[in-house]
Protein backbone atom coordinates (compact mmCIF):
# COMPACT_ATOMS: atom_id res chain seq x y z
CA MET A 1 90.40 108.74 96.29
CA SER A 2 90.16 105.74 98.59
CA GLU A 3 91.96 105.85 101.92
CA ASN A 4 94.40 103.25 103.24
CA ILE A 5 95.76 102.08 99.91
CA GLN A 6 98.61 99.67 100.61
CA ILE A 7 101.12 97.39 98.93
CA LYS A 8 100.18 93.73 99.36
CA LYS A 9 102.75 92.03 97.11
CA LEU A 10 106.12 93.00 95.60
CA TYR A 11 107.91 91.20 92.77
CA TYR A 12 110.84 91.54 90.41
CA SER A 13 111.99 89.31 87.56
CA PRO A 14 115.71 89.28 86.66
CA ILE A 15 115.01 87.49 83.34
CA LYS A 16 112.31 88.99 81.15
CA SER A 17 109.38 86.54 80.71
CA PHE A 18 110.67 84.12 83.36
CA ASN A 19 109.19 83.68 86.82
CA PHE A 20 109.38 86.55 89.24
CA ILE A 21 110.79 86.68 92.75
CA GLU A 22 108.60 87.84 95.63
CA ASP A 23 110.22 90.12 98.18
CA LYS A 24 109.34 92.24 101.21
CA SER A 25 111.01 95.36 99.81
CA LEU A 26 112.44 96.59 96.51
CA LYS A 27 115.13 99.14 95.75
CA ILE A 28 113.92 101.82 93.36
CA ILE A 29 116.44 103.54 91.09
CA LYS A 30 115.52 106.92 89.65
CA ASN A 31 114.84 106.85 85.88
CA ILE A 32 115.62 103.12 85.73
CA GLY A 33 113.12 101.12 87.78
CA ILE A 34 113.54 98.26 90.23
CA GLU A 35 117.04 97.04 90.94
CA ASN A 36 117.71 93.75 89.08
CA ASP A 37 114.34 93.74 87.32
CA ARG A 38 114.40 92.53 83.66
CA ILE A 39 118.18 92.92 83.44
CA PHE A 40 118.41 89.70 81.40
CA ALA A 41 116.42 88.70 78.33
CA PHE A 42 116.48 86.37 75.35
CA VAL A 43 116.46 87.77 71.84
CA ARG A 44 115.50 85.80 68.71
CA ASN A 45 115.93 85.99 64.94
CA LYS A 46 119.17 87.95 65.16
CA THR A 47 122.82 87.35 64.43
CA LYS A 48 125.34 87.53 67.26
CA GLU A 49 126.35 91.05 66.16
CA GLU A 50 122.71 92.18 66.05
CA ALA A 51 122.04 90.66 69.49
CA LEU A 52 125.01 92.55 70.95
CA LYS A 53 123.69 95.81 69.51
CA PHE A 54 120.21 95.01 70.83
CA GLN A 55 121.74 94.47 74.26
CA GLU A 56 123.57 97.80 74.33
CA LYS A 57 121.49 100.17 72.18
CA GLN A 58 118.03 100.88 73.54
CA TYR A 59 116.89 102.63 70.37
CA LEU A 60 117.42 99.40 68.38
CA ARG A 61 115.08 97.33 70.57
CA ASN A 62 111.59 96.12 69.72
CA ASN A 63 109.22 93.80 71.56
CA GLN A 64 108.86 91.40 68.63
CA SER A 65 112.51 90.38 68.92
CA TYR A 66 112.26 89.15 72.50
CA LEU A 67 111.75 85.48 73.24
CA SER A 68 108.70 85.80 75.48
CA VAL A 69 105.71 83.92 76.83
CA LYS A 70 103.63 85.57 74.13
CA ASN A 71 105.54 83.82 71.33
CA THR A 72 107.18 80.97 73.31
CA PRO A 73 104.91 79.77 76.14
CA LEU A 74 107.37 76.99 77.05
CA LEU A 75 109.30 79.67 78.97
CA ASN A 76 106.68 79.23 81.67
CA ASN A 77 108.26 75.83 82.39
CA TYR A 78 111.45 77.53 83.55
CA ARG A 79 112.22 79.37 86.75
CA LEU A 80 115.17 81.26 88.13
CA GLU A 81 116.91 82.12 91.36
CA PHE A 82 119.08 85.21 91.70
CA TYR A 83 121.08 85.73 94.88
CA ASN A 84 124.40 87.46 95.48
CA GLN A 85 124.81 88.06 91.75
CA ASN A 86 124.53 84.35 91.00
CA LEU A 87 121.90 83.34 88.46
CA LYS A 88 120.49 79.81 88.47
CA VAL A 89 117.99 78.51 85.91
CA TYR A 90 115.76 75.50 86.51
CA LEU A 91 113.52 73.38 84.31
CA LYS A 92 110.84 72.30 86.77
CA ASN A 93 113.05 71.30 89.74
CA GLU A 94 116.17 70.43 87.75
CA GLU A 95 118.97 73.00 87.79
CA ILE A 96 120.22 73.32 84.22
CA ALA A 97 122.69 76.21 84.53
CA SER A 98 124.35 78.51 87.05
CA ILE A 99 126.48 81.56 86.24
CA SER A 100 127.86 84.58 88.06
CA ASP A 101 129.88 86.15 85.23
CA PHE A 102 127.48 87.87 82.87
CA ASN A 103 129.68 88.48 79.85
CA PHE A 104 127.98 87.74 76.54
CA GLU A 105 129.72 84.43 75.86
CA ASN A 106 129.05 83.11 79.34
CA LEU A 107 125.35 83.97 79.06
CA GLN A 108 125.11 81.64 76.08
CA LEU A 109 125.78 78.69 78.39
CA ILE A 110 122.20 79.15 79.58
CA THR A 111 120.94 79.51 76.01
CA LYS A 112 122.74 76.30 75.06
CA GLU A 113 121.16 74.34 77.92
CA ILE A 114 117.65 75.56 77.12
CA LYS A 115 118.06 74.67 73.44
CA LYS A 116 119.17 71.19 74.47
CA LYS A 117 115.92 70.75 76.38
CA GLU A 118 113.58 72.25 73.79
CA ILE A 119 113.36 70.61 70.36
CA ASP A 120 111.38 73.56 68.98
CA LEU A 121 114.26 75.91 69.80
CA LYS A 122 117.14 73.64 68.76
CA ASP A 123 117.80 75.27 65.37
CA LYS A 124 116.66 78.80 66.24
CA GLU A 125 119.00 81.79 66.51
CA ILE A 126 118.60 82.75 70.16
CA PHE A 127 120.93 84.75 72.39
CA MET A 128 120.78 85.68 76.04
CA ILE A 129 121.57 89.32 76.76
CA TYR A 130 122.26 91.45 79.84
CA ASN A 131 122.13 95.14 80.64
CA GLN A 132 121.81 96.31 84.25
CA LYS A 133 121.75 100.02 83.43
CA VAL A 134 119.19 99.81 80.63
CA PRO A 135 116.81 96.91 81.47
CA PHE A 136 114.58 95.13 78.96
CA TYR A 137 111.18 96.58 79.74
CA ASP A 138 108.00 96.32 77.66
CA MET A 139 108.02 100.08 77.20
CA ILE A 140 111.00 100.14 74.87
CA ASN A 141 112.00 103.78 75.34
CA ASP A 142 110.85 104.26 78.92
CA HIS A 143 111.89 102.68 82.20
CA VAL A 144 108.79 101.69 84.11
CA VAL A 145 107.45 99.77 87.10
CA SER A 146 104.13 97.95 86.75
CA LEU A 147 101.27 98.07 89.25
CA ILE A 148 97.91 96.29 89.51
CA ASN A 149 94.99 96.78 91.87
CA LEU A 150 93.42 93.74 93.60
CA GLU A 151 90.03 95.48 93.71
CA SER A 152 90.10 95.72 89.92
CA LEU A 153 90.87 92.01 89.73
CA LYS A 154 87.99 91.18 92.07
CA ASP A 155 85.63 93.28 89.92
CA PHE A 156 86.91 91.54 86.77
CA GLU A 157 86.37 88.11 88.35
CA THR A 158 82.85 89.02 89.49
CA ARG A 159 81.79 90.40 86.12
CA SER A 160 83.36 87.58 84.10
CA GLY A 161 82.43 84.74 86.46
CA LEU A 162 86.02 83.51 86.23
CA SER A 163 88.82 82.86 88.70
CA ILE A 164 91.90 84.78 87.52
CA ASP A 165 95.34 84.54 89.11
CA HIS A 166 96.98 87.93 89.67
CA GLU A 167 100.41 86.51 88.80
CA ARG A 168 99.66 86.22 85.08
CA PHE A 169 99.78 90.03 84.88
CA ARG A 170 103.42 89.95 86.05
CA ALA A 171 103.11 93.18 88.03
CA ASN A 172 105.90 94.49 90.22
CA ILE A 173 103.52 96.07 92.71
CA VAL A 174 100.16 94.65 93.81
CA ILE A 175 97.98 97.03 95.82
CA ASP A 176 94.70 96.87 97.69
CA GLY A 177 92.33 99.52 99.02
CA MET A 178 91.74 101.47 95.80
CA LYS A 179 88.34 101.31 94.11
CA PRO A 180 88.07 99.04 91.06
CA PHE A 181 89.89 100.49 88.04
CA GLN A 182 90.42 103.82 89.81
CA GLU A 183 94.12 103.43 89.01
CA LEU A 184 93.31 103.95 85.31
CA GLU A 185 92.30 107.55 86.11
CA LEU A 186 95.74 108.53 87.41
CA ALA A 187 97.68 109.02 84.16
CA LYS A 188 100.22 111.85 84.42
CA LYS A 189 99.60 112.28 88.14
CA LYS A 190 102.25 111.63 90.76
CA ILE A 191 101.93 109.07 93.52
CA LYS A 192 103.99 108.49 96.62
CA ILE A 193 104.66 104.93 97.74
CA GLY A 194 106.08 105.12 101.24
CA ASP A 195 108.59 107.94 100.82
CA THR A 196 109.33 107.32 97.13
CA LEU A 197 107.81 109.44 94.37
CA PHE A 198 106.58 108.08 91.01
CA GLU A 199 104.84 109.53 87.98
CA VAL A 200 101.94 107.51 86.60
CA PHE A 201 103.18 107.10 83.04
CA CYS A 202 100.27 105.34 81.32
CA ASN A 203 97.77 102.51 81.57
CA THR A 204 98.90 98.96 80.76
CA PRO A 205 97.25 97.41 77.67
CA ARG A 206 97.16 93.62 78.00
CA CYS A 207 98.57 91.27 75.40
CA LYS A 208 98.45 87.60 74.44
CA ALA A 209 100.88 86.60 77.22
CA THR A 210 98.06 86.92 79.78
CA ILE A 211 96.08 84.06 78.24
CA TYR A 212 98.44 81.72 80.11
CA PRO A 213 98.16 81.25 83.88
CA TYR A 214 101.42 81.93 85.68
CA GLN A 215 103.97 79.16 85.05
CA SER A 216 101.60 77.27 82.75
CA THR A 217 101.91 76.52 79.03
CA THR A 218 98.18 75.86 78.63
CA SER A 219 96.08 78.88 77.70
CA ASP A 220 92.73 79.19 79.44
CA ILE A 221 91.29 82.74 79.33
CA ASN A 222 91.60 85.32 76.57
CA ILE A 223 92.22 88.18 78.99
CA PRO A 224 92.37 91.04 76.43
CA GLN A 225 89.13 89.85 74.81
CA LYS A 226 87.35 89.52 78.17
CA LEU A 227 88.50 92.96 79.30
CA ASN A 228 87.23 94.46 76.06
CA GLU A 229 83.88 92.65 76.31
CA ILE A 230 83.27 93.87 79.86
CA TYR A 231 84.98 97.28 80.02
CA ASP A 232 85.41 98.34 76.37
CA HIS A 233 89.20 98.50 76.76
CA ILE A 234 92.09 96.08 77.28
CA ASP A 235 93.86 98.03 80.04
CA PHE A 236 94.62 96.37 83.35
CA GLY A 237 97.05 98.13 85.69
CA ILE A 238 99.37 101.07 85.20
CA TYR A 239 103.02 101.82 84.50
CA LEU A 240 104.93 104.05 86.91
CA LYS A 241 108.13 106.00 86.26
CA PRO A 242 110.37 106.40 89.32
CA ILE A 243 111.42 110.04 89.64
CA GLU A 244 113.59 109.53 92.70
CA ASP A 245 115.61 106.80 94.40
CA GLY A 246 114.06 104.94 97.31
CA ILE A 247 112.92 101.74 98.95
CA ILE A 248 109.34 100.48 98.79
CA SER A 249 108.09 97.82 101.19
CA LEU A 250 105.08 95.66 101.95
CA ASN A 251 102.22 97.59 103.58
CA ASN A 252 103.63 100.96 102.48
CA GLU A 253 100.76 103.38 102.01
CA ILE A 254 100.13 104.95 98.62
CA LYS A 255 99.10 108.57 98.26
CA VAL A 256 98.07 110.40 95.11
CA ILE A 257 99.73 113.80 94.64
CA ASN A 258 97.36 116.05 92.67
């Protein structure tokens, strides 16, 4: 295993499929993930009663019901700020909503403003939901933190002849110093980031959402197809499960526990 593997970037995204917030350190919560990561989401094609159940009952969730970049790329036009438990949503540079009380009815003020702006969503059944204790992760039944390796990205760019922004992968942790795609060999092993212990849960298969550059609604590269053409798989990055509380910070070293 390579030496001197370090964190280079850290991100979290309070609203699933919205922009993420870069930070110097992140609070890790055992069996949950990153504090304030994906604690809000938008759900589609459900009644109010169904949306409330989706919000509270993890076993009722499915990825197809989320409003996401994969099915609604216009979400890339929006960005958020989240400070001191106050959530602000912007369309480009225009603030369209600000709330600090996250009860279900109040959340729909944001939904209402987005539907006003987007003709395609005007008549759709969409609800904003919130759950701090059971966030809205891609792995429906597991709480995970995502990680990508910059050396893997460099290898992918070299082999494909393309320039690929790391942000489109929406990873929480971006590392450097590990050999290309070496992270895909770590499934079921434990790794220590700083003083915080994680289990490597599984590799991350890439979906249609990655065909859009970060904060763009124009697709440019079919990432899953390119990965498959070059590497015979569509995995890029890994999911980690936090098995203890802690703080991870920029330049923390990463060690593999065999």
